[in-house]
Amino acid sequence: MISVFGSVNMDLVAYVEAAPAPGETVTGHTFGTIPGGKGANQAIAAARAGAEVAFLGAVGDDSFGPELRRTLAGAGVDVTNLRTVPGPSGIAHIVVEDGGGNSIIVVPGANGTMTAPSATDVEVISRSEILLLQLELPIEAVTAAARAARAAGTTVVLTPAPVQPLPAELLEAVDVLVANEHEAIAITGQADHERAMEELRGRVGWVIVTLGSRGALTAESDGQVVHVEARRVTAVDTTAAGDTFVGALAAARAEGQRPDQAVRFATAAAALSVQRAGASTSMPTRAEIDRSLGGAGV
């Protein structure tokens, strides 16, 4: 089983030809409300890729809360431990350009109440093979969840986004770090993603740096760096590409795929996701990923 200790938001998405500059007003052509949040996105991606997934998080008692819960459950995610708290659910304001680029403002809402994993959360994490973490919850809660997983022998996969300084005790509990090139540079202070990856390899067992349309770099701490090429596609919306990658990677590893196979599986899933609009709405099913890989699933 994969557990996800993370955020769930309602995404308020405006589609425009080009994002406004500071002080500028532009006219968009489409608007949608789409369930998202990095934690929920990764949970849905993993479930659609064929994994058993439990979600640990919080929604508000506003009108968005029940919809967010239904979306997760509808994707096959166990929401038994998704709590409802007073106040608003998390919100993300997203601007998506016609070329596929995006900018995002996250207002945490209920996610901000997750200041520590509950005893039940810890029990679920302890029964899991893999724990997925991101940084849209308070950093102290993420760190506590990672330490609980490490104590139980659960593999910890961290996406360091939104990027911020990482406490040493958090990084020490991480088994797999999946960062995009900008995040890798930001958390290390290195000049480029290759140097950033080299530094991170000395601190984490398995480091993956995603490069958008250029694919991903992957290496275990004592292994050779391998560049996995991305599939050439026309991007519609890249919002969920990173979360789709992580969810699919976890699903592949949970079923025993080798690290190199899992990265190729995840890259194929991400390529499918960017061809559709939205976050949770864009994530491919296992059958779609397998077809993209020629039916082999590897």
C-alpha atoms as a PDB file:
ATOM      1  CA  MET A   1       0.000   0.000   0.000  1.00  0.00           C
ATOM      2  CA  ILE A   2       1.024   3.609  -0.673  1.00  0.00           C
ATOM      3  CA  SER A   3       0.077   6.273   1.863  1.00  0.00           C
ATOM      4  CA  VAL A   4       0.036   9.976   1.022  1.00  0.00           C
ATOM      5  CA  PHE A   5       0.383  12.517   3.819  1.00  0.00           C
ATOM      6  CA  GLY A   6      -0.368  15.706   1.985  1.00  0.00           C
ATOM      7  CA  SER A   7      -2.494  18.543   0.726  1.00  0.00           C
ATOM      8  CA  VAL A   8      -5.812  18.612  -1.069  1.00  0.00           C
ATOM      9  CA  ASN A   9      -7.015  21.821  -2.732  1.00  0.00           C
ATOM     10  CA  MET A  10      -9.698  23.078  -5.032  1.00  0.00           C
ATOM     11  CA  ASP A  11      -7.906  24.485  -8.066  1.00  0.00           C
ATOM     12  CA  LEU A  12      -9.434  27.658  -9.532  1.00  0.00           C
ATOM     13  CA  VAL A  13      -7.975  27.600 -13.030  1.00  0.00           C
ATOM     14  CA  ALA A  14      -7.957  30.412 -15.590  1.00  0.00           C
ATOM     15  CA  TYR A  15      -6.758  29.647 -19.119  1.00  0.00           C
ATOM     16  CA  VAL A  16      -5.187  32.562 -21.008  1.00  0.00           C
ATOM     17  CA  GLU A  17      -3.128  33.191 -24.111  1.00  0.00           C
ATOM     18  CA  ALA A  18      -0.363  34.671 -21.972  1.00  0.00           C
ATOM     19  CA  ALA A  19      -0.157  35.277 -18.214  1.00  0.00           C
ATOM     20  CA  PRO A  20      -0.450  38.900 -17.079  1.00  0.00           C
ATOM     21  CA  ALA A  21       2.648  40.865 -16.129  1.00  0.00           C
ATOM     22  CA  PRO A  22       2.598  42.744 -12.776  1.00  0.00           C
ATOM     23  CA  GLY A  23      -0.083  45.438 -12.950  1.00  0.00           C
ATOM     24  CA  GLU A  24      -1.557  44.062 -16.168  1.00  0.00           C
ATOM     25  CA  THR A  25      -5.090  42.757 -16.715  1.00  0.00           C
ATOM     26  CA  VAL A  26      -5.731  40.183 -19.422  1.00  0.00           C
ATOM     27  CA  THR A  27      -8.843  38.381 -20.645  1.00  0.00           C
ATOM     28  CA  GLY A  28      -8.953  34.624 -20.238  1.00  0.00           C
ATOM     29  CA  HIS A  29     -10.900  32.286 -22.476  1.00  0.00           C
ATOM     30  CA  THR A  30     -11.787  29.450 -20.076  1.00  0.00           C
ATOM     31  CA  PHE A  31     -12.255  28.929 -16.332  1.00  0.00           C
ATOM     32  CA  GLY A  32     -12.705  25.779 -14.266  1.00  0.00           C
ATOM     33  CA  THR A  33     -12.789  24.493 -10.703  1.00  0.00           C
ATOM     34  CA  ILE A  34     -10.791  21.286 -10.567  1.00  0.00           C
ATOM     35  CA  PRO A  35      -9.851  19.234  -7.477  1.00  0.00           C
ATOM     36  CA  GLY A  36      -6.105  19.237  -6.913  1.00  0.00           C
ATOM     37  CA  GLY A  37      -3.372  19.799  -4.340  1.00  0.00           C
ATOM     38  CA  LYS A  38      -0.004  18.085  -4.612  1.00  0.00           C
ATOM     39  CA  GLY A  39      -0.880  15.377  -2.113  1.00  0.00           C
ATOM     40  CA  ALA A  40      -4.255  14.573  -3.651  1.00  0.00           C
ATOM     41  CA  ASN A  41      -2.791  14.699  -7.158  1.00  0.00           C
ATOM     42  CA  GLN A  42      -0.094  12.179  -6.270  1.00  0.00           C
ATOM     43  CA  ALA A  43      -2.635   9.934  -4.559  1.00  0.00           C
ATOM     44  CA  ILE A  44      -4.931   9.945  -7.585  1.00  0.00           C
ATOM     45  CA  ALA A  45      -2.018   9.399  -9.985  1.00  0.00           C
ATOM     46  CA  ALA A  46      -0.831   6.392  -7.978  1.00  0.00           C
ATOM     47  CA  ALA A  47      -4.334   4.914  -7.741  1.00  0.00           C
ATOM     48  CA  ARG A  48      -4.981   5.316 -11.471  1.00  0.00           C
ATOM     49  CA  ALA A  49      -1.612   3.699 -12.151  1.00  0.00           C
ATOM     50  CA  GLY A  50      -2.830   0.605 -10.298  1.00  0.00           C
ATOM     51  CA  ALA A  51      -1.745   1.057  -6.670  1.00  0.00           C
ATOM     52  CA  GLU A  52      -3.659   0.697  -3.416  1.00  0.00           C
ATOM     53  CA  VAL A  53      -3.570   4.196  -1.883  1.00  0.00           C
ATOM     54  CA  ALA A  54      -4.610   5.740   1.443  1.00  0.00           C
ATOM     55  CA  PHE A  55      -4.834   9.513   1.820  1.00  0.00           C
ATOM     56  CA  LEU A  56      -4.028  11.338   5.059  1.00  0.00           C
ATOM     57  CA  GLY A  57      -5.038  14.991   5.107  1.00  0.00           C
ATOM     58  CA  ALA A  58      -7.780  17.543   5.786  1.00  0.00           C
ATOM     59  CA  VAL A  59     -10.546  19.432   4.023  1.00  0.00           C
ATOM     60  CA  GLY A  60     -12.673  22.290   5.330  1.00  0.00           C
ATOM     61  CA  ASP A  61     -16.366  22.294   6.175  1.00  0.00           C
ATOM     62  CA  ASP A  62     -17.076  24.576   3.199  1.00  0.00           C
ATOM     63  CA  SER A  63     -18.787  23.592  -0.049  1.00  0.00           C
ATOM     64  CA  PHE A  64     -15.513  22.378  -1.574  1.00  0.00           C
ATOM     65  CA  GLY A  65     -14.802  19.797   1.158  1.00  0.00           C
ATOM     66  CA  PRO A  66     -17.344  17.125   0.109  1.00  0.00           C
ATOM     67  CA  GLU A  67     -16.397  17.506  -3.553  1.00  0.00           C
ATOM     68  CA  LEU A  68     -12.712  17.031  -2.791  1.00  0.00           C
ATOM     69  CA  ARG A  69     -13.527  13.930  -0.744  1.00  0.00           C
ATOM     70  CA  ARG A  70     -15.713  12.481  -3.534  1.00  0.00           C
ATOM     71  CA  THR A  71     -13.002  13.090  -6.118  1.00  0.00           C
ATOM     72  CA  LEU A  72     -10.397  11.147  -4.155  1.00  0.00           C
ATOM     73  CA  ALA A  73     -12.798   8.315  -3.364  1.00  0.00           C
ATOM     74  CA  GLY A  74     -13.968   8.206  -6.969  1.00  0.00           C
ATOM     75  CA  ALA A  75     -10.396   7.617  -8.107  1.00  0.00           C
ATOM     76  CA  GLY A  76     -10.141   4.616  -5.788  1.00  0.00           C
ATOM     77  CA  VAL A  77      -8.247   6.361  -2.975  1.00  0.00           C
ATOM     78  CA  ASP A  78      -9.076   5.338   0.615  1.00  0.00           C
ATOM     79  CA  VAL A  79     -10.330   8.506   2.358  1.00  0.00           C
ATOM     80  CA  THR A  80     -11.099   6.925   5.734  1.00  0.00           C
ATOM     81  CA  ASN A  81      -8.499   9.175   7.359  1.00  0.00           C
ATOM     82  CA  LEU A  82      -9.294  12.365   5.439  1.00  0.00           C
ATOM     83  CA  ARG A  83     -10.506  14.618   8.234  1.00  0.00           C
ATOM     84  CA  THR A  84     -12.943  17.559   8.004  1.00  0.00           C
ATOM     85  CA  VAL A  85     -12.028  20.675  10.014  1.00  0.00           C
ATOM     86  CA  PRO A  86     -13.790  24.014  10.579  1.00  0.00           C
ATOM     87  CA  GLY A  87     -13.045  26.683   7.991  1.00  0.00           C
ATOM     88  CA  PRO A  88     -12.173  26.731   4.287  1.00  0.00           C
ATOM     89  CA  SER A  89     -10.551  23.981   2.273  1.00  0.00           C
ATOM     90  CA  GLY A  90      -7.215  24.600   0.567  1.00  0.00           C
ATOM     91  CA  ILE A  91      -7.381  26.683  -2.598  1.00  0.00           C
ATOM     92  CA  ALA A  92      -4.978  27.059  -5.524  1.00  0.00           C
ATOM     93  CA  HIS A  93      -5.328  29.930  -7.992  1.00  0.00           C
ATOM     94  CA  ILE A  94      -3.774  28.748 -11.266  1.00  0.00           C
ATOM     95  CA  VAL A  95      -3.103  30.584 -14.515  1.00  0.00           C
ATOM     96  CA  VAL A  96      -2.452  28.305 -17.487  1.00  0.00           C
ATOM     97  CA  GLU A  97      -1.028  29.757 -20.701  1.00  0.00           C
ATOM     98  CA  ASP A  98      -1.974  28.378 -24.111  1.00  0.00           C
ATOM     99  CA  GLY A  99       1.548  27.018 -24.495  1.00  0.00           C
ATOM    100  CA  GLY A 100       1.057  24.847 -21.388  1.00  0.00           C
ATOM    101  CA  GLY A 101       3.053  26.882 -18.854  1.00  0.00           C
ATOM    102  CA  ASN A 102       1.458  27.792 -15.546  1.00  0.00           C
ATOM    103  CA  SER A 103       1.791  29.875 -12.395  1.00  0.00           C
ATOM    104  CA  ILE A 104       0.152  28.964  -9.083  1.00  0.00           C
ATOM    105  CA  ILE A 105      -0.791  30.671  -5.808  1.00  0.00           C
ATOM    106  CA  VAL A 106      -1.720  28.262  -2.987  1.00  0.00           C
ATOM    107  CA  VAL A 107      -3.819  29.318   0.024  1.00  0.00           C
ATOM    108  CA  PRO A 108      -3.456  26.420   2.524  1.00  0.00           C
ATOM    109  CA  GLY A 109      -6.821  26.558   4.314  1.00  0.00           C
ATOM    110  CA  ALA A 110      -7.506  23.227   6.017  1.00  0.00           C
ATOM    111  CA  ASN A 111      -4.085  21.946   4.989  1.00  0.00           C
ATOM    112  CA  GLY A 112      -2.546  24.386   7.450  1.00  0.00           C
ATOM    113  CA  THR A 113      -4.226  22.558  10.350  1.00  0.00           C
ATOM    114  CA  MET A 114      -2.115  19.463   9.661  1.00  0.00           C
ATOM    115  CA  THR A 115       0.597  20.392  12.141  1.00  0.00           C
ATOM    116  CA  ALA A 116       1.431  16.790  13.060  1.00  0.00           C
ATOM    117  CA  PRO A 117       0.410  13.287  11.941  1.00  0.00           C
ATOM    118  CA  SER A 118      -2.202  11.777  14.244  1.00  0.00           C
ATOM    119  CA  ALA A 119      -1.746   8.401  15.921  1.00  0.00           C
ATOM    120  CA  THR A 120      -3.996   6.925  13.240  1.00  0.00           C
ATOM    121  CA  ASP A 121      -1.914   8.571  10.500  1.00  0.00           C
ATOM    122  CA  VAL A 122       1.229   7.025  11.976  1.00  0.00           C
ATOM    123  CA  GLU A 123      -0.419   3.614  12.096  1.00  0.00           C
ATOM    124  CA  VAL A 124      -1.390   3.843   8.412  1.00  0.00           C
ATOM    125  CA  ILE A 125       2.094   5.047   7.470  1.00  0.00           C
ATOM    126  CA  SER A 126       3.626   2.138   9.375  1.00  0.00           C
ATOM    127  CA  ARG A 127       1.552  -0.373   7.378  1.00  0.00           C
ATOM    128  CA  SER A 128       2.536   1.174   4.042  1.00  0.00           C
ATOM    129  CA  GLU A 129       5.312   0.157   1.686  1.00  0.00           C
ATOM    130  CA  ILE A 130       5.769   3.742   0.476  1.00  0.00           C
ATOM    131  CA  LEU A 131       4.924   7.163   1.933  1.00  0.00           C
ATOM    132  CA  LEU A 132       4.570  10.134  -0.417  1.00  0.00           C
ATOM    133  CA  LEU A 133       5.305  13.586   1.014  1.00  0.00           C
ATOM    134  CA  GLN A 134       5.280  17.123  -0.389  1.00  0.00           C
ATOM    135  CA  LEU A 135       5.694  20.558   1.212  1.00  0.00           C
ATOM    136  CA  GLU A 136       2.168  22.008   1.045  1.00  0.00           C
ATOM    137  CA  LEU A 137       1.629  20.968   4.690  1.00  0.00           C
ATOM    138  CA  PRO A 138       3.526  22.550   7.613  1.00  0.00           C
ATOM    139  CA  ILE A 139       7.148  21.448   7.444  1.00  0.00           C
ATOM    140  CA  GLU A 140       7.135  20.140  11.022  1.00  0.00           C
ATOM    141  CA  ALA A 141       4.277  17.769  10.173  1.00  0.00           C
ATOM    142  CA  VAL A 142       6.046  16.536   7.037  1.00  0.00           C
ATOM    143  CA  THR A 143       9.212  15.927   9.051  1.00  0.00           C
ATOM    144  CA  ALA A 144       7.316  14.016  11.749  1.00  0.00           C
ATOM    145  CA  ALA A 145       5.605  11.836   9.145  1.00  0.00           C
ATOM    146  CA  ALA A 146       8.938  11.085   7.460  1.00  0.00           C
ATOM    147  CA  ARG A 147      10.522  10.112  10.768  1.00  0.00           C
ATOM    148  CA  ALA A 148       7.577   7.843  11.610  1.00  0.00           C
ATOM    149  CA  ALA A 149       7.935   6.143   8.242  1.00  0.00           C
ATOM    150  CA  ARG A 150      11.681   5.700   8.663  1.00  0.00           C
ATOM    151  CA  ALA A 151      11.139   4.112  12.094  1.00  0.00           C
ATOM    152  CA  ALA A 152       8.645   1.657  10.561  1.00  0.00           C
ATOM    153  CA  GLY A 153      10.798   0.772   7.568  1.00  0.00           C
ATOM    154  CA  THR A 154       8.437   2.504   5.105  1.00  0.00           C
ATOM    155  CA  THR A 155      10.115   4.010   2.033  1.00  0.00           C
ATOM    156  CA  VAL A 156       9.850   7.819   2.080  1.00  0.00           C
ATOM    157  CA  VAL A 157       9.461   9.686  -1.235  1.00  0.00           C
ATOM    158  CA  LEU A 158       9.676  13.489  -0.981  1.00  0.00           C
ATOM    159  CA  THR A 159       8.724  16.108  -3.541  1.00  0.00           C
ATOM    160  CA  PRO A 160      10.327  19.364  -2.258  1.00  0.00           C
ATOM    161  CA  ALA A 161       7.579  21.680  -3.510  1.00  0.00           C
ATOM    162  CA  PRO A 162       6.695  24.431  -2.914  1.00  0.00           C
ATOM    163  CA  VAL A 163      10.443  24.789  -2.537  1.00  0.00           C
ATOM    164  CA  GLN A 164      11.795  25.865   0.861  1.00  0.00           C
ATOM    165  CA  PRO A 165      14.807  25.068   3.065  1.00  0.00           C
ATOM    166  CA  LEU A 166      14.793  21.412   4.106  1.00  0.00           C
ATOM    167  CA  PRO A 167      15.552  20.578   7.742  1.00  0.00           C
ATOM    168  CA  ALA A 168      18.419  18.130   8.073  1.00  0.00           C
ATOM    169  CA  GLU A 169      16.236  15.722  10.060  1.00  0.00           C
ATOM    170  CA  LEU A 170      13.740  15.620   7.192  1.00  0.00           C
ATOM    171  CA  LEU A 171      16.332  14.928   4.514  1.00  0.00           C
ATOM    172  CA  GLU A 172      17.896  12.245   6.707  1.00  0.00           C
ATOM    173  CA  ALA A 173      14.575  10.368   6.710  1.00  0.00           C
ATOM    174  CA  VAL A 174      14.089  10.539   2.918  1.00  0.00           C
ATOM    175  CA  ASP A 175      14.823   7.517   0.726  1.00  0.00           C
ATOM    176  CA  VAL A 176      13.810   8.984  -2.644  1.00  0.00           C
ATOM    177  CA  LEU A 177      13.920  12.680  -3.571  1.00  0.00           C
ATOM    178  CA  VAL A 178      12.059  13.736  -6.730  1.00  0.00           C
ATOM    179  CA  ALA A 179      12.726  17.396  -7.590  1.00  0.00           C
ATOM    180  CA  ASN A 180      12.424  19.380 -10.764  1.00  0.00           C
ATOM    181  CA  GLU A 181      15.559  21.135 -11.944  1.00  0.00           C
ATOM    182  CA  HIS A 182      14.568  24.490 -10.407  1.00  0.00           C
ATOM    183  CA  GLU A 183      13.782  22.919  -7.024  1.00  0.00           C
ATOM    184  CA  ALA A 184      17.054  20.987  -7.029  1.00  0.00           C
ATOM    185  CA  ILE A 185      19.015  24.187  -7.644  1.00  0.00           C
ATOM    186  CA  ALA A 186      17.052  26.141  -5.029  1.00  0.00           C
ATOM    187  CA  ILE A 187      17.471  23.639  -2.186  1.00  0.00           C
ATOM    188  CA  THR A 188      21.192  23.169  -2.784  1.00  0.00           C
ATOM    189  CA  GLY A 189      22.245  26.637  -3.910  1.00  0.00           C
ATOM    190  CA  GLN A 190      24.214  25.107  -6.763  1.00  0.00           C
ATOM    191  CA  ALA A 191      24.638  26.812 -10.137  1.00  0.00           C
ATOM    192  CA  ASP A 192      22.885  24.162 -12.227  1.00  0.00           C
ATOM    193  CA  HIS A 193      20.793  21.019 -11.846  1.00  0.00           C
ATOM    194  CA  GLU A 194      23.702  18.640 -12.562  1.00  0.00           C
ATOM    195  CA  ARG A 195      25.753  20.017  -9.673  1.00  0.00           C
ATOM    196  CA  ALA A 196      22.646  20.077  -7.505  1.00  0.00           C
ATOM    197  CA  MET A 197      22.004  16.436  -8.261  1.00  0.00           C
ATOM    198  CA  GLU A 198      25.588  15.534  -7.399  1.00  0.00           C
ATOM    199  CA  GLU A 199      25.238  17.199  -4.000  1.00  0.00           C
ATOM    200  CA  LEU A 200      21.865  15.579  -3.277  1.00  0.00           C
ATOM    201  CA  ARG A 201      23.191  12.122  -4.204  1.00  0.00           C
ATOM    202  CA  GLY A 202      25.518  12.362  -1.234  1.00  0.00           C
ATOM    203  CA  ARG A 203      22.578  12.889   1.114  1.00  0.00           C
ATOM    204  CA  VAL A 204      19.709  10.754  -0.266  1.00  0.00           C
ATOM    205  CA  GLY A 205      19.727   7.152  -1.455  1.00  0.00           C
ATOM    206  CA  TRP A 206      17.910   7.772  -4.740  1.00  0.00           C
ATOM    207  CA  VAL A 207      17.665  11.166  -6.445  1.00  0.00           C
ATOM    208  CA  ILE A 208      15.550  11.959  -9.511  1.00  0.00           C
ATOM    209  CA  VAL A 209      15.653  15.382 -11.160  1.00  0.00           C
ATOM    210  CA  THR A 210      12.844  15.977 -13.637  1.00  0.00           C
ATOM    211  CA  LEU A 211      13.573  18.207 -16.639  1.00  0.00           C
ATOM    212  CA  GLY A 212      10.127  18.818 -18.125  1.00  0.00           C
ATOM    213  CA  SER A 213      10.078  18.171 -21.859  1.00  0.00           C
ATOM    214  CA  ARG A 214      13.693  16.945 -21.639  1.00  0.00           C
ATOM    215  CA  GLY A 215      12.826  13.957 -19.448  1.00  0.00           C
ATOM    216  CA  ALA A 216      14.544  13.116 -16.161  1.00  0.00           C
ATOM    217  CA  LEU A 217      17.906  12.310 -14.615  1.00  0.00           C
ATOM    218  CA  THR A 218      18.003   9.364 -12.227  1.00  0.00           C
ATOM    219  CA  ALA A 219      20.709   7.841 -10.078  1.00  0.00           C
ATOM    220  CA  GLU A 220      21.050   5.910  -6.868  1.00  0.00           C
ATOM    221  CA  SER A 221      23.747   7.162  -4.478  1.00  0.00           C
ATOM    222  CA  ASP A 222      26.442   4.842  -5.815  1.00  0.00           C
ATOM    223  CA  GLY A 223      25.159   4.541  -9.387  1.00  0.00           C
ATOM    224  CA  GLN A 224      25.692   6.179 -12.734  1.00  0.00           C
ATOM    225  CA  VAL A 225      23.433   9.092 -13.666  1.00  0.00           C
ATOM    226  CA  VAL A 226      21.019   8.067 -16.423  1.00  0.00           C
ATOM    227  CA  HIS A 227      19.054  10.456 -18.644  1.00  0.00           C
ATOM    228  CA  VAL A 228      15.565   9.153 -19.437  1.00  0.00           C
ATOM    229  CA  GLU A 229      14.193  10.936 -22.500  1.00  0.00           C
ATOM    230  CA  ALA A 230      10.701  12.425 -22.427  1.00  0.00           C
ATOM    231  CA  ARG A 231       8.172  11.481 -25.072  1.00  0.00           C
ATOM    232  CA  ARG A 232       7.523  14.162 -27.662  1.00  0.00           C
ATOM    233  CA  VAL A 233       3.991  15.459 -27.193  1.00  0.00           C
ATOM    234  CA  THR A 234       2.068  18.704 -27.575  1.00  0.00           C
ATOM    235  CA  ALA A 235       1.521  20.125 -24.087  1.00  0.00           C
ATOM    236  CA  VAL A 236      -1.900  21.533 -23.195  1.00  0.00           C
ATOM    237  CA  ASP A 237      -1.426  21.942 -19.428  1.00  0.00           C
ATOM    238  CA  THR A 238       1.681  21.003 -17.430  1.00  0.00           C
ATOM    239  CA  THR A 239       0.116  21.627 -14.000  1.00  0.00           C
ATOM    240  CA  ALA A 240       0.009  17.985 -12.915  1.00  0.00           C
ATOM    241  CA  ALA A 241       3.040  16.596 -14.724  1.00  0.00           C
ATOM    242  CA  GLY A 242       5.286  16.415 -11.669  1.00  0.00           C
ATOM    243  CA  ASP A 243       2.643  14.892  -9.406  1.00  0.00           C
ATOM    244  CA  THR A 244       1.664  12.371 -12.075  1.00  0.00           C
ATOM    245  CA  PHE A 245       5.324  11.391 -12.369  1.00  0.00           C
ATOM    246  CA  VAL A 246       5.668  10.809  -8.621  1.00  0.00           C
ATOM    247  CA  GLY A 247       2.390   8.906  -8.239  1.00  0.00           C
ATOM    248  CA  ALA A 248       3.183   6.637 -11.180  1.00  0.00           C
ATOM    249  CA  LEU A 249       6.756   6.126  -9.939  1.00  0.00           C
ATOM    250  CA  ALA A 250       5.460   5.007  -6.535  1.00  0.00           C
ATOM    251  CA  ALA A 251       2.909   2.670  -8.100  1.00  0.00           C
ATOM    252  CA  ALA A 252       5.592   1.074 -10.246  1.00  0.00           C
ATOM    253  CA  ARG A 253       7.963   0.600  -7.327  1.00  0.00           C
ATOM    254  CA  ALA A 254       5.204  -0.775  -5.087  1.00  0.00           C
ATOM    255  CA  GLU A 255       4.602  -3.561  -7.598  1.00  0.00           C
ATOM    256  CA  GLY A 256       8.296  -4.378  -7.851  1.00  0.00           C
ATOM    257  CA  GLN A 257       9.484  -2.606 -10.993  1.00  0.00           C
ATOM    258  CA  ARG A 258      13.213  -1.846 -11.041  1.00  0.00           C
ATOM    259  CA  PRO A 259      14.202   1.810 -10.499  1.00  0.00           C
ATOM    260  CA  ASP A 260      15.013   2.354 -14.186  1.00  0.00           C
ATOM    261  CA  GLN A 261      11.726   0.740 -15.239  1.00  0.00           C
ATOM    262  CA  ALA A 262       9.804   2.837 -12.733  1.00  0.00           C
ATOM    263  CA  VAL A 263      11.303   6.090 -14.054  1.00  0.00           C
ATOM    264  CA  ARG A 264      10.380   5.196 -17.630  1.00  0.00           C
ATOM    265  CA  PHE A 265       6.868   4.247 -16.489  1.00  0.00           C
ATOM    266  CA  ALA A 266       6.548   7.577 -14.647  1.00  0.00           C
ATOM    267  CA  THR A 267       7.884   9.548 -17.614  1.00  0.00           C
ATOM    268  CA  ALA A 268       5.290   7.954 -19.889  1.00  0.00           C
ATOM    269  CA  ALA A 269       2.505   8.781 -17.406  1.00  0.00           C
ATOM    270  CA  ALA A 270       3.621  12.421 -17.140  1.00  0.00           C
ATOM    271  CA  ALA A 271       3.725  12.753 -20.931  1.00  0.00           C
ATOM    272  CA  LEU A 272       0.115  11.591 -21.111  1.00  0.00           C
ATOM    273  CA  SER A 273      -0.986  14.014 -18.390  1.00  0.00           C
ATOM    274  CA  VAL A 274       0.311  17.170 -20.085  1.00  0.00           C
ATOM    275  CA  GLN A 275      -1.856  16.482 -23.129  1.00  0.00           C
ATOM    276  CA  ARG A 276      -5.018  17.144 -21.085  1.00  0.00           C
ATOM    277  CA  ALA A 277      -6.304  20.121 -19.101  1.00  0.00           C
ATOM    278  CA  GLY A 278      -6.433  20.185 -15.324  1.00  0.00           C
ATOM    279  CA  ALA A 279      -4.657  18.414 -12.494  1.00  0.00           C
ATOM    280  CA  SER A 280      -6.536  15.353 -11.235  1.00  0.00           C
ATOM    281  CA  THR A 281      -8.555  15.315 -14.463  1.00  0.00           C
ATOM    282  CA  SER A 282      -5.442  14.837 -16.597  1.00  0.00           C
ATOM    283  CA  MET A 283      -3.929  11.765 -14.957  1.00  0.00           C
ATOM    284  CA  PRO A 284      -3.809   8.571 -17.037  1.00  0.00           C
ATOM    285  CA  THR A 285      -5.087   5.126 -16.118  1.00  0.00           C
ATOM    286  CA  ARG A 286      -2.856   2.077 -15.909  1.00  0.00           C
ATOM    287  CA  ALA A 287      -4.209   0.814 -19.220  1.00  0.00           C
ATOM    288  CA  GLU A 288      -3.317   4.109 -20.915  1.00  0.00           C
ATOM    289  CA  ILE A 289       0.209   4.048 -19.513  1.00  0.00           C
ATOM    290  CA  ASP A 290       0.730   0.451 -20.594  1.00  0.00           C
ATOM    291  CA  ARG A 291      -0.502   1.240 -24.109  1.00  0.00           C
ATOM    292  CA  SER A 292       1.886   4.191 -24.271  1.00  0.00           C
ATOM    293  CA  LEU A 293       4.728   1.834 -23.371  1.00  0.00           C
ATOM    294  CA  GLY A 294       3.696  -0.677 -26.001  1.00  0.00           C
ATOM    295  CA  GLY A 295       1.718  -2.902 -23.633  1.00  0.00           C
ATOM    296  CA  ALA A 296       4.741  -3.963 -21.615  1.00  0.00           C
ATOM    297  CA  GLY A 297       4.127  -1.746 -18.617  1.00  0.00           C
ATOM    298  CA  VAL A 298       7.868  -1.187 -18.262  1.00  0.00           C
END
